[in-house]
Amino acid sequence: MEITVSANNIDNILLYLDNLKAEKAELLKELERRRRQKRLINEEIKRLNKEIKRIDDELKNWRKQLKGLVRRK
């Protein structure tokens, strides 16, 4: 069984494949951009969580000190 395809059809198929490759490349760039954003956001979340823990620890320390002062009076 032989399939006959015109040169015009082959050109159209090749053009379509090139367009798909270009679209894939753009999607890969977007994916990498979003991965970088996610990484930066996660790093910022970690930094903020550390800062919150530091503040919580400081508050706990102050509470202990204030309780000690109230008991002394």
PDB file of N, CA and C in Angstrom:
ATOM      1  N   MET A   1       0.846  -1.178   0.000  1.00  0.00           N
ATOM      2  CA  MET A   1       0.000   0.000   0.000  1.00  0.00           C
ATOM      3  C   MET A   1       0.887   1.235   0.000  1.00  0.00           C
ATOM      4  N   GLU A   2       0.693   2.086  -0.942  1.00  0.00           N
ATOM      5  CA  GLU A   2       1.516   3.277  -1.094  1.00  0.00           C
ATOM      6  C   GLU A   2       0.659   4.510  -0.819  1.00  0.00           C
ATOM      7  N   ILE A   3       1.236   5.426  -0.043  1.00  0.00           N
ATOM      8  CA  ILE A   3       0.531   6.671   0.258  1.00  0.00           C
ATOM      9  C   ILE A   3       1.222   7.780  -0.511  1.00  0.00           C
ATOM     10  N   THR A   4       0.436   8.549  -1.213  1.00  0.00           N
ATOM     11  CA  THR A   4       0.986   9.652  -1.987  1.00  0.00           C
ATOM     12  C   THR A   4       0.705  10.954  -1.240  1.00  0.00           C
ATOM     13  N   VAL A   5       1.775  11.714  -1.028  1.00  0.00           N
ATOM     14  CA  VAL A   5       1.646  12.983  -0.318  1.00  0.00           C
ATOM     15  C   VAL A   5       2.311  14.051  -1.171  1.00  0.00           C
ATOM     16  N   SER A   6       1.624  15.159  -1.323  1.00  0.00           N
ATOM     17  CA  SER A   6       2.207  16.222  -2.143  1.00  0.00           C
ATOM     18  C   SER A   6       3.294  16.962  -1.358  1.00  0.00           C
ATOM     19  N   ALA A   7       4.143  17.635  -2.096  1.00  0.00           N
ATOM     20  CA  ALA A   7       5.223  18.414  -1.472  1.00  0.00           C
ATOM     21  C   ALA A   7       4.641  19.511  -0.597  1.00  0.00           C
ATOM     22  N   ASN A   8       3.526  20.064  -1.000  1.00  0.00           N
ATOM     23  CA  ASN A   8       2.872  21.119  -0.228  1.00  0.00           C
ATOM     24  C   ASN A   8       2.412  20.574   1.126  1.00  0.00           C
ATOM     25  N   ASN A   9       1.859  19.364   1.111  1.00  0.00           N
ATOM     26  CA  ASN A   9       1.426  18.752   2.369  1.00  0.00           C
ATOM     27  C   ASN A   9       2.612  18.489   3.286  1.00  0.00           C
ATOM     28  N   ILE A  10       3.716  18.020   2.710  1.00  0.00           N
ATOM     29  CA  ILE A  10       4.919  17.768   3.514  1.00  0.00           C
ATOM     30  C   ILE A  10       5.431  19.074   4.112  1.00  0.00           C
ATOM     31  N   ASP A  11       5.447  20.142   3.307  1.00  0.00           N
ATOM     32  CA  ASP A  11       5.881  21.448   3.819  1.00  0.00           C
ATOM     33  C   ASP A  11       4.986  21.908   4.964  1.00  0.00           C
ATOM     34  N   ASN A  12       3.684  21.699   4.808  1.00  0.00           N
ATOM     35  CA  ASN A  12       2.750  22.095   5.871  1.00  0.00           C
ATOM     36  C   ASN A  12       2.979  21.286   7.151  1.00  0.00           C
ATOM     37  N   ILE A  13       3.232  20.003   6.987  1.00  0.00           N
ATOM     38  CA  ILE A  13       3.504  19.158   8.151  1.00  0.00           C
ATOM     39  C   ILE A  13       4.794  19.591   8.836  1.00  0.00           C
ATOM     40  N   LEU A  14       5.833  19.875   8.058  1.00  0.00           N
ATOM     41  CA  LEU A  14       7.107  20.317   8.639  1.00  0.00           C
ATOM     42  C   LEU A  14       6.945  21.660   9.357  1.00  0.00           C
ATOM     43  N   LEU A  15       6.185  22.549   8.766  1.00  0.00           N
ATOM     44  CA  LEU A  15       5.917  23.848   9.396  1.00  0.00           C
ATOM     45  C   LEU A  15       5.171  23.643  10.717  1.00  0.00           C
ATOM     46  N   TYR A  16       4.189  22.771  10.706  1.00  0.00           N
ATOM     47  CA  TYR A  16       3.429  22.466  11.915  1.00  0.00           C
ATOM     48  C   TYR A  16       4.348  21.904  12.998  1.00  0.00           C
ATOM     49  N   LEU A  17       5.238  20.987  12.620  1.00  0.00           N
ATOM     50  CA  LEU A  17       6.172  20.415  13.587  1.00  0.00           C
ATOM     51  C   LEU A  17       7.121  21.468  14.152  1.00  0.00           C
ATOM     52  N   ASP A  18       7.581  22.388  13.292  1.00  0.00           N
ATOM     53  CA  ASP A  18       8.433  23.488  13.766  1.00  0.00           C
ATOM     54  C   ASP A  18       7.679  24.365  14.765  1.00  0.00           C
ATOM     55  N   ASN A  19       6.410  24.622  14.467  1.00  0.00           N
ATOM     56  CA  ASN A  19       5.595  25.425  15.384  1.00  0.00           C
ATOM     57  C   ASN A  19       5.411  24.718  16.721  1.00  0.00           C
ATOM     58  N   LEU A  20       5.222  23.403  16.668  1.00  0.00           N
ATOM     59  CA  LEU A  20       5.100  22.640  17.909  1.00  0.00           C
ATOM     60  C   LEU A  20       6.393  22.697  18.725  1.00  0.00           C
ATOM     61  N   LYS A  21       7.534  22.589  18.044  1.00  0.00           N
ATOM     62  CA  LYS A  21       8.831  22.675  18.742  1.00  0.00           C
ATOM     63  C   LYS A  21       8.996  24.040  19.401  1.00  0.00           C
ATOM     64  N   ALA A  22       8.604  25.098  18.675  1.00  0.00           N
ATOM     65  CA  ALA A  22       8.719  26.455  19.233  1.00  0.00           C
ATOM     66  C   ALA A  22       7.793  26.612  20.441  1.00  0.00           C
ATOM     67  N   GLU A  23       6.590  26.072  20.332  1.00  0.00           N
ATOM     68  CA  GLU A  23       5.646  26.143  21.449  1.00  0.00           C
ATOM     69  C   GLU A  23       6.180  25.376  22.654  1.00  0.00           C
ATOM     70  N   LYS A  24       6.774  24.218  22.413  1.00  0.00           N
ATOM     71  CA  LYS A  24       7.367  23.427  23.487  1.00  0.00           C
ATOM     72  C   LYS A  24       8.488  24.206  24.171  1.00  0.00           C
ATOM     73  N   ALA A  25       9.325  24.855  23.382  1.00  0.00           N
ATOM     74  CA  ALA A  25      10.427  25.642  23.941  1.00  0.00           C
ATOM     75  C   ALA A  25       9.896  26.767  24.835  1.00  0.00           C
ATOM     76  N   GLU A  26       8.843  27.432  24.397  1.00  0.00           N
ATOM     77  CA  GLU A  26       8.243  28.510  25.194  1.00  0.00           C
ATOM     78  C   GLU A  26       7.664  27.951  26.495  1.00  0.00           C
ATOM     79  N   LEU A  27       7.001  26.818  26.401  1.00  0.00           N
ATOM     80  CA  LEU A  27       6.427  26.207  27.598  1.00  0.00           C
ATOM     81  C   LEU A  27       7.517  25.785  28.577  1.00  0.00           C
ATOM     82  N   LEU A  28       8.626  25.278  28.070  1.00  0.00           N
ATOM     83  CA  LEU A  28       9.736  24.902  28.943  1.00  0.00           C
ATOM     84  C   LEU A  28      10.337  26.127  29.631  1.00  0.00           C
ATOM     85  N   LYS A  29      10.443  27.244  28.903  1.00  0.00           N
ATOM     86  CA  LYS A  29      10.931  28.491  29.508  1.00  0.00           C
ATOM     87  C   LYS A  29       9.998  28.948  30.619  1.00  0.00           C
ATOM     88  N   GLU A  30       8.695  28.887  30.351  1.00  0.00           N
ATOM     89  CA  GLU A  30       7.700  29.296  31.350  1.00  0.00           C
ATOM     90  C   GLU A  30       7.760  28.385  32.572  1.00  0.00           C
ATOM     91  N   LEU A  31       7.920  27.096  32.339  1.00  0.00           N
ATOM     92  CA  LEU A  31       8.030  26.145  33.445  1.00  0.00           C
ATOM     93  C   LEU A  31       9.246  26.464  34.310  1.00  0.00           C
ATOM     94  N   GLU A  32      10.366  26.735  33.686  1.00  0.00           N
ATOM     95  CA  GLU A  32      11.584  27.059  34.436  1.00  0.00           C
ATOM     96  C   GLU A  32      11.404  28.367  35.207  1.00  0.00           C
ATOM     97  N   ARG A  33      10.761  29.349  34.596  1.00  0.00           N
ATOM     98  CA  ARG A  33      10.499  30.629  35.274  1.00  0.00           C
ATOM     99  C   ARG A  33       9.638  30.399  36.520  1.00  0.00           C
ATOM    100  N   ARG A  34       8.607  29.578  36.374  1.00  0.00           N
ATOM    101  CA  ARG A  34       7.727  29.300  37.508  1.00  0.00           C
ATOM    102  C   ARG A  34       8.443  28.498  38.590  1.00  0.00           C
ATOM    103  N   ARG A  35       9.328  27.603  38.194  1.00  0.00           N
ATOM    104  CA  ARG A  35      10.111  26.851  39.187  1.00  0.00           C
ATOM    105  C   ARG A  35      11.006  27.788  39.985  1.00  0.00           C
ATOM    106  N   ARG A  36      11.624  28.746  39.284  1.00  0.00           N
ATOM    107  CA  ARG A  36      12.465  29.727  39.983  1.00  0.00           C
ATOM    108  C   ARG A  36      11.621  30.543  40.956  1.00  0.00           C
ATOM    109  N   GLN A  37      10.438  30.976  40.493  1.00  0.00           N
ATOM    110  CA  GLN A  37       9.552  31.745  41.366  1.00  0.00           C
ATOM    111  C   GLN A  37       9.174  30.927  42.596  1.00  0.00           C
ATOM    112  N   LYS A  38       8.827  29.669  42.380  1.00  0.00           N
ATOM    113  CA  LYS A  38       8.433  28.798  43.488  1.00  0.00           C
ATOM    114  C   LYS A  38       9.575  28.663  44.484  1.00  0.00           C
ATOM    115  N   ARG A  39      10.796  28.475  43.966  1.00  0.00           N
ATOM    116  CA  ARG A  39      11.957  28.340  44.845  1.00  0.00           C
ATOM    117  C   ARG A  39      12.163  29.615  45.671  1.00  0.00           C
ATOM    118  N   LEU A  40      12.034  30.775  45.017  1.00  0.00           N
ATOM    119  CA  LEU A  40      12.197  32.040  45.733  1.00  0.00           C
ATOM    120  C   LEU A  40      11.111  32.223  46.786  1.00  0.00           C
ATOM    121  N   ILE A  41       9.893  31.850  46.443  1.00  0.00           N
ATOM    122  CA  ILE A  41       8.786  31.960  47.399  1.00  0.00           C
ATOM    123  C   ILE A  41       9.030  31.033  48.587  1.00  0.00           C
ATOM    124  N   ASN A  42       9.467  29.805  48.311  1.00  0.00           N
ATOM    125  CA  ASN A  42       9.745  28.867  49.401  1.00  0.00           C
ATOM    126  C   ASN A  42      10.871  29.367  50.298  1.00  0.00           C
ATOM    127  N   GLU A  43      11.892  29.962  49.708  1.00  0.00           N
ATOM    128  CA  GLU A  43      12.982  30.530  50.506  1.00  0.00           C
ATOM    129  C   GLU A  43      12.469  31.670  51.376  1.00  0.00           C
ATOM    130  N   GLU A  44      11.591  32.491  50.838  1.00  0.00           N
ATOM    131  CA  GLU A  44      11.022  33.603  51.605  1.00  0.00           C
ATOM    132  C   GLU A  44      10.143  33.069  52.746  1.00  0.00           C
ATOM    133  N   ILE A  45       9.377  32.019  52.488  1.00  0.00           N
ATOM    134  CA  ILE A  45       8.555  31.409  53.528  1.00  0.00           C
ATOM    135  C   ILE A  45       9.447  30.887  54.655  1.00  0.00           C
ATOM    136  N   LYS A  46      10.545  30.213  54.305  1.00  0.00           N
ATOM    137  CA  LYS A  46      11.470  29.710  55.328  1.00  0.00           C
ATOM    138  C   LYS A  46      12.037  30.860  56.157  1.00  0.00           C
ATOM    139  N   ARG A  47      12.421  31.941  55.475  1.00  0.00           N
ATOM    140  CA  ARG A  47      12.982  33.093  56.184  1.00  0.00           C
ATOM    141  C   ARG A  47      11.956  33.684  57.147  1.00  0.00           C
ATOM    142  N   LEU A  48      10.716  33.829  56.661  1.00  0.00           N
ATOM    143  CA  LEU A  48       9.666  34.395  57.512  1.00  0.00           C
ATOM    144  C   LEU A  48       9.347  33.479  58.690  1.00  0.00           C
ATOM    145  N   ASN A  49       9.345  32.167  58.462  1.00  0.00           N
ATOM    146  CA  ASN A  49       9.095  31.233  59.559  1.00  0.00           C
ATOM    147  C   ASN A  49      10.184  31.316  60.618  1.00  0.00           C
ATOM    148  N   LYS A  50      11.445  31.481  60.188  1.00  0.00           N
ATOM    149  CA  LYS A  50      12.537  31.642  61.149  1.00  0.00           C
ATOM    150  C   LYS A  50      12.339  32.917  61.962  1.00  0.00           C
ATOM    151  N   GLU A  51      11.930  33.975  61.286  1.00  0.00           N
ATOM    152  CA  GLU A  51      11.711  35.256  61.969  1.00  0.00           C
ATOM    153  C   GLU A  51      10.550  35.134  62.971  1.00  0.00           C
ATOM    154  N   ILE A  52       9.497  34.441  62.582  1.00  0.00           N
ATOM    155  CA  ILE A  52       8.365  34.225  63.488  1.00  0.00           C
ATOM    156  C   ILE A  52       8.813  33.423  64.702  1.00  0.00           C
ATOM    157  N   LYS A  53       9.614  32.391  64.477  1.00  0.00           N
ATOM    158  CA  LYS A  53      10.107  31.586  65.603  1.00  0.00           C
ATOM    159  C   LYS A  53      10.976  32.430  66.531  1.00  0.00           C
ATOM    160  N   ARG A  54      11.817  33.279  65.949  1.00  0.00           N
ATOM    161  CA  ARG A  54      12.656  34.151  66.777  1.00  0.00           C
ATOM    162  C   ARG A  54      11.791  35.062  67.643  1.00  0.00           C
ATOM    163  N   ILE A  55      10.738  35.625  67.050  1.00  0.00           N
ATOM    164  CA  ILE A  55       9.837  36.516  67.789  1.00  0.00           C
ATOM    165  C   ILE A  55       9.098  35.736  68.872  1.00  0.00           C
ATOM    166  N   ASP A  56       8.632  34.529  68.533  1.00  0.00           N
ATOM    167  CA  ASP A  56       7.951  33.691  69.534  1.00  0.00           C
ATOM    168  C   ASP A  56       8.874  33.384  70.708  1.00  0.00           C
ATOM    169  N   ASP A  57      10.129  33.045  70.402  1.00  0.00           N
ATOM    170  CA  ASP A  57      11.097  32.760  71.464  1.00  0.00           C
ATOM    171  C   ASP A  57      11.336  33.986  72.335  1.00  0.00           C
ATOM    172  N   GLU A  58      11.422  35.143  71.700  1.00  0.00           N
ATOM    173  CA  GLU A  58      11.630  36.382  72.452  1.00  0.00           C
ATOM    174  C   GLU A  58      10.422  36.684  73.341  1.00  0.00           C
ATOM    175  N   LEU A  59       9.227  36.467  72.806  1.00  0.00           N
ATOM    176  CA  LEU A  59       8.017  36.678  73.609  1.00  0.00           C
ATOM    177  C   LEU A  59       7.973  35.735  74.806  1.00  0.00           C
ATOM    178  N   LYS A  60       8.338  34.470  74.569  1.00  0.00           N
ATOM    179  CA  LYS A  60       8.356  33.486  75.650  1.00  0.00           C
ATOM    180  C   LYS A  60       9.336  33.923  76.736  1.00  0.00           C
ATOM    181  N   ASN A  61      10.503  34.406  76.315  1.00  0.00           N
ATOM    182  CA  ASN A  61      11.513  34.866  77.260  1.00  0.00           C
ATOM    183  C   ASN A  61      10.991  36.047  78.087  1.00  0.00           C
ATOM    184  N   TRP A  62      10.353  36.991  77.422  1.00  0.00           N
ATOM    185  CA  TRP A  62       9.810  38.149  78.134  1.00  0.00           C
ATOM    186  C   TRP A  62       8.719  37.730  79.115  1.00  0.00           C
ATOM    187  N   ARG A  63       7.878  36.795  78.716  1.00  0.00           N
ATOM    188  CA  ARG A  63       6.824  36.315  79.623  1.00  0.00           C
ATOM    189  C   ARG A  63       7.429  35.714  80.887  1.00  0.00           C
ATOM    190  N   LYS A  64       8.489  34.898  80.705  1.00  0.00           N
ATOM    191  CA  LYS A  64       9.154  34.296  81.859  1.00  0.00           C
ATOM    192  C   LYS A  64       9.701  35.377  82.790  1.00  0.00           C
ATOM    193  N   GLN A  65      10.353  36.380  82.188  1.00  0.00           N
ATOM    194  CA  GLN A  65      10.934  37.451  82.994  1.00  0.00           C
ATOM    195  C   GLN A  65       9.860  38.227  83.734  1.00  0.00           C
ATOM    196  N   LEU A  66       8.746  38.504  83.056  1.00  0.00           N
ATOM    197  CA  LEU A  66       7.660  39.258  83.702  1.00  0.00           C
ATOM    198  C   LEU A  66       7.022  38.442  84.820  1.00  0.00           C
ATOM    199  N   LYS A  67       6.843  37.145  84.618  1.00  0.00           N
ATOM    200  CA  LYS A  67       6.295  36.293  85.681  1.00  0.00           C
ATOM    201  C   LYS A  67       7.211  36.322  86.893  1.00  0.00           C
ATOM    202  N   GLY A  68       8.507  36.292  86.644  1.00  0.00           N
ATOM    203  CA  GLY A  68       9.468  36.349  87.759  1.00  0.00           C
ATOM    204  C   GLY A  68       9.380  37.664  88.511  1.00  0.00           C
ATOM    205  N   LEU A  69       9.183  38.764  87.795  1.00  0.00           N
ATOM    206  CA  LEU A  69       9.055  40.056  88.455  1.00  0.00           C
ATOM    207  C   LEU A  69       7.783  40.136  89.265  1.00  0.00           C
ATOM    208  N   VAL A  70       6.685  39.609  88.756  1.00  0.00           N
ATOM    209  CA  VAL A  70       5.400  39.654  89.473  1.00  0.00           C
ATOM    210  C   VAL A  70       5.488  38.832  90.747  1.00  0.00           C
ATOM    211  N   ARG A  71       6.157  37.678  90.708  1.00  0.00           N
ATOM    212  CA  ARG A  71       6.277  36.824  91.893  1.00  0.00           C
ATOM    213  C   ARG A  71       7.139  37.478  92.978  1.00  0.00           C
ATOM    214  N   ARG A  72       8.119  38.284  92.580  1.00  0.00           N
ATOM    215  CA  ARG A  72       9.031  38.893  93.542  1.00  0.00           C
ATOM    216  C   ARG A  72       8.339  39.993  94.350  1.00  0.00           C
ATOM    217  N   LYS A  73       7.335  40.630  93.757  1.00  0.00           N
ATOM    218  CA  LYS A  73       6.686  41.748  94.450  1.00  0.00           C
ATOM    219  C   LYS A  73       5.836  41.294  95.541  1.00  0.00           C
TER     220      LYS A  73
END
